[in-house]
Amino acid sequence: MTTPEALITTYERWHRAGRPTQVPSKWNLQSWTKQLGQYEGFFNGLKTDRIDRKQAVQLAP
C-alpha cells in the first residue's frame, strides 16, 4: 500500500508546527440535554460550550 503524497505532506506540516491538538468543538447544551436528558447534570457540570478530544477522553467513564 502506498501512502498518498497529500497525507505525507499534511503530516509533515503538522509535525513541523509542533503537533498542535485539535481545535475545541462547539457543542449545544440544550440539544444534548434534549437527546440525553439523563445526563443533564453531567452536561451542566462541564461549564463550557467547547470541548476537545483530550477533554473528552479525560471526562469519559
N, C-alpha and C. Protein backbone atom coordinates (compact mmCIF):
# COMPACT_ATOMS: atom_id res chain seq x y z
N MET A 1 0.85 -1.18 0.00
CA MET A 1 0.00 0.00 0.00
C MET A 1 0.89 1.24 0.00
N THR A 2 0.53 2.20 -0.79
CA THR A 2 1.29 3.44 -0.89
C THR A 2 0.53 4.55 -0.17
N THR A 3 1.25 5.30 0.64
CA THR A 3 0.64 6.42 1.35
C THR A 3 0.53 7.60 0.39
N PRO A 4 -0.67 8.19 0.29
CA PRO A 4 -0.85 9.33 -0.62
C PRO A 4 0.08 10.49 -0.24
N GLU A 5 0.64 11.12 -1.25
CA GLU A 5 1.56 12.24 -1.03
C GLU A 5 0.91 13.37 -0.23
N ALA A 6 -0.37 13.62 -0.47
CA ALA A 6 -1.07 14.68 0.26
C ALA A 6 -1.11 14.38 1.76
N LEU A 7 -1.26 13.12 2.11
CA LEU A 7 -1.27 12.74 3.53
C LEU A 7 0.12 12.93 4.16
N ILE A 8 1.14 12.54 3.43
CA ILE A 8 2.51 12.71 3.91
C ILE A 8 2.82 14.19 4.12
N THR A 9 2.47 15.01 3.17
CA THR A 9 2.72 16.45 3.24
C THR A 9 1.97 17.06 4.42
N THR A 10 0.73 16.67 4.60
CA THR A 10 -0.08 17.20 5.70
C THR A 10 0.51 16.79 7.04
N TYR A 11 0.92 15.54 7.16
CA TYR A 11 1.53 15.07 8.40
C TYR A 11 2.82 15.84 8.69
N GLU A 12 3.64 16.02 7.70
CA GLU A 12 4.91 16.74 7.89
C GLU A 12 4.67 18.18 8.33
N ARG A 13 3.67 18.83 7.75
CA ARG A 13 3.34 20.21 8.12
C ARG A 13 2.85 20.26 9.57
N TRP A 14 2.01 19.31 9.96
CA TRP A 14 1.50 19.22 11.33
C TRP A 14 2.65 18.97 12.31
N HIS A 15 3.55 18.07 11.94
CA HIS A 15 4.69 17.73 12.79
C HIS A 15 5.62 18.94 12.98
N ARG A 16 5.92 19.67 11.90
CA ARG A 16 6.78 20.86 11.96
C ARG A 16 6.14 21.96 12.82
N ALA A 17 4.82 21.98 12.86
CA ALA A 17 4.11 23.00 13.64
C ALA A 17 4.06 22.66 15.13
N GLY A 18 4.69 21.56 15.51
CA GLY A 18 4.72 21.18 16.91
C GLY A 18 3.61 20.23 17.31
N ARG A 19 2.98 19.63 16.32
CA ARG A 19 1.90 18.65 16.53
C ARG A 19 0.77 19.24 17.38
N PRO A 20 0.21 20.37 16.94
CA PRO A 20 -0.86 21.00 17.72
C PRO A 20 -2.09 20.10 17.84
N THR A 21 -2.81 20.28 18.94
CA THR A 21 -4.01 19.49 19.17
C THR A 21 -5.18 20.04 18.37
N GLN A 22 -6.25 19.29 18.36
CA GLN A 22 -7.46 19.68 17.66
C GLN A 22 -8.04 20.94 18.29
N VAL A 23 -8.59 21.81 17.47
CA VAL A 23 -9.29 22.98 17.96
C VAL A 23 -10.57 22.47 18.64
N PRO A 24 -10.89 22.98 19.84
CA PRO A 24 -12.10 22.51 20.52
C PRO A 24 -13.35 22.73 19.67
N SER A 25 -14.28 21.79 19.76
CA SER A 25 -15.55 21.86 19.03
C SER A 25 -16.61 22.49 19.91
N LYS A 26 -17.46 23.29 19.29
CA LYS A 26 -18.57 23.91 19.99
C LYS A 26 -19.70 22.88 20.09
N TRP A 27 -20.35 22.83 21.24
CA TRP A 27 -21.49 21.93 21.41
C TRP A 27 -22.61 22.71 22.09
N ASN A 28 -23.84 22.24 21.91
CA ASN A 28 -25.01 22.95 22.41
C ASN A 28 -25.63 22.17 23.56
N LEU A 29 -25.61 22.76 24.76
CA LEU A 29 -26.13 22.12 25.96
C LEU A 29 -27.59 21.71 25.79
N GLN A 30 -28.41 22.59 25.24
CA GLN A 30 -29.84 22.28 25.09
C GLN A 30 -30.06 21.08 24.17
N SER A 31 -29.34 21.02 23.08
CA SER A 31 -29.50 19.90 22.14
C SER A 31 -29.11 18.57 22.77
N TRP A 32 -27.98 18.56 23.48
CA TRP A 32 -27.51 17.32 24.11
C TRP A 32 -28.45 16.91 25.23
N THR A 33 -28.92 17.88 26.01
CA THR A 33 -29.82 17.56 27.10
C THR A 33 -31.16 17.05 26.58
N LYS A 34 -31.61 17.60 25.47
CA LYS A 34 -32.87 17.15 24.87
C LYS A 34 -32.79 15.67 24.47
N GLN A 35 -31.67 15.28 23.90
CA GLN A 35 -31.49 13.91 23.43
C GLN A 35 -31.08 12.95 24.54
N LEU A 36 -30.32 13.44 25.51
CA LEU A 36 -29.77 12.59 26.57
C LEU A 36 -30.02 13.23 27.93
N GLY A 37 -31.28 13.47 28.22
CA GLY A 37 -31.68 14.16 29.43
C GLY A 37 -31.19 13.53 30.72
N GLN A 38 -30.97 12.22 30.70
CA GLN A 38 -30.50 11.54 31.91
C GLN A 38 -29.08 12.00 32.30
N TYR A 39 -28.38 12.67 31.39
CA TYR A 39 -27.02 13.16 31.67
C TYR A 39 -26.98 14.67 31.87
N GLU A 40 -28.12 15.27 32.12
CA GLU A 40 -28.17 16.74 32.23
C GLU A 40 -27.22 17.26 33.30
N GLY A 41 -27.14 16.61 34.43
CA GLY A 41 -26.23 17.04 35.50
C GLY A 41 -24.78 17.03 35.05
N PHE A 42 -24.42 15.98 34.33
CA PHE A 42 -23.06 15.88 33.80
C PHE A 42 -22.78 17.01 32.83
N PHE A 43 -23.71 17.24 31.88
CA PHE A 43 -23.53 18.29 30.89
C PHE A 43 -23.41 19.66 31.56
N ASN A 44 -24.27 19.92 32.55
CA ASN A 44 -24.21 21.21 33.25
C ASN A 44 -22.89 21.37 33.98
N GLY A 45 -22.31 20.29 34.44
CA GLY A 45 -21.05 20.34 35.14
C GLY A 45 -19.85 20.68 34.26
N LEU A 46 -20.01 20.59 32.96
CA LEU A 46 -18.90 20.90 32.06
C LEU A 46 -18.56 22.38 32.07
N LYS A 47 -19.54 23.24 32.24
CA LYS A 47 -19.34 24.70 32.34
C LYS A 47 -18.55 25.28 31.18
N THR A 48 -18.74 24.71 30.02
CA THR A 48 -18.09 25.23 28.81
C THR A 48 -18.94 24.86 27.60
N ASP A 49 -18.82 25.62 26.54
CA ASP A 49 -19.55 25.27 25.32
C ASP A 49 -18.59 24.78 24.23
N ARG A 50 -17.35 24.48 24.64
CA ARG A 50 -16.36 23.94 23.71
C ARG A 50 -15.63 22.78 24.39
N ILE A 51 -15.31 21.76 23.60
CA ILE A 51 -14.61 20.60 24.15
C ILE A 51 -13.70 20.03 23.06
N ASP A 52 -12.52 19.59 23.47
CA ASP A 52 -11.60 18.99 22.50
C ASP A 52 -11.46 17.50 22.81
N ARG A 53 -10.73 16.79 21.98
CA ARG A 53 -10.60 15.34 22.14
C ARG A 53 -9.95 14.97 23.47
N LYS A 54 -8.93 15.72 23.87
CA LYS A 54 -8.24 15.43 25.11
C LYS A 54 -9.21 15.53 26.29
N GLN A 55 -10.02 16.59 26.32
CA GLN A 55 -11.01 16.74 27.38
C GLN A 55 -12.04 15.62 27.35
N ALA A 56 -12.49 15.24 26.16
CA ALA A 56 -13.49 14.18 26.03
C ALA A 56 -12.95 12.87 26.60
N VAL A 57 -11.69 12.58 26.32
CA VAL A 57 -11.08 11.34 26.83
C VAL A 57 -10.98 11.40 28.36
N GLN A 58 -10.59 12.55 28.89
CA GLN A 58 -10.46 12.71 30.33
C GLN A 58 -11.81 12.57 31.04
N LEU A 59 -12.87 13.03 30.40
CA LEU A 59 -14.20 13.01 31.01
C LEU A 59 -14.95 11.71 30.82
N ALA A 60 -14.51 10.92 29.85
CA ALA A 60 -15.21 9.65 29.56
C ALA A 60 -15.06 8.68 30.72
N PRO A 61 -16.13 7.92 31.00
CA PRO A 61 -16.05 6.94 32.09
C PRO A 61 -15.08 5.81 31.77
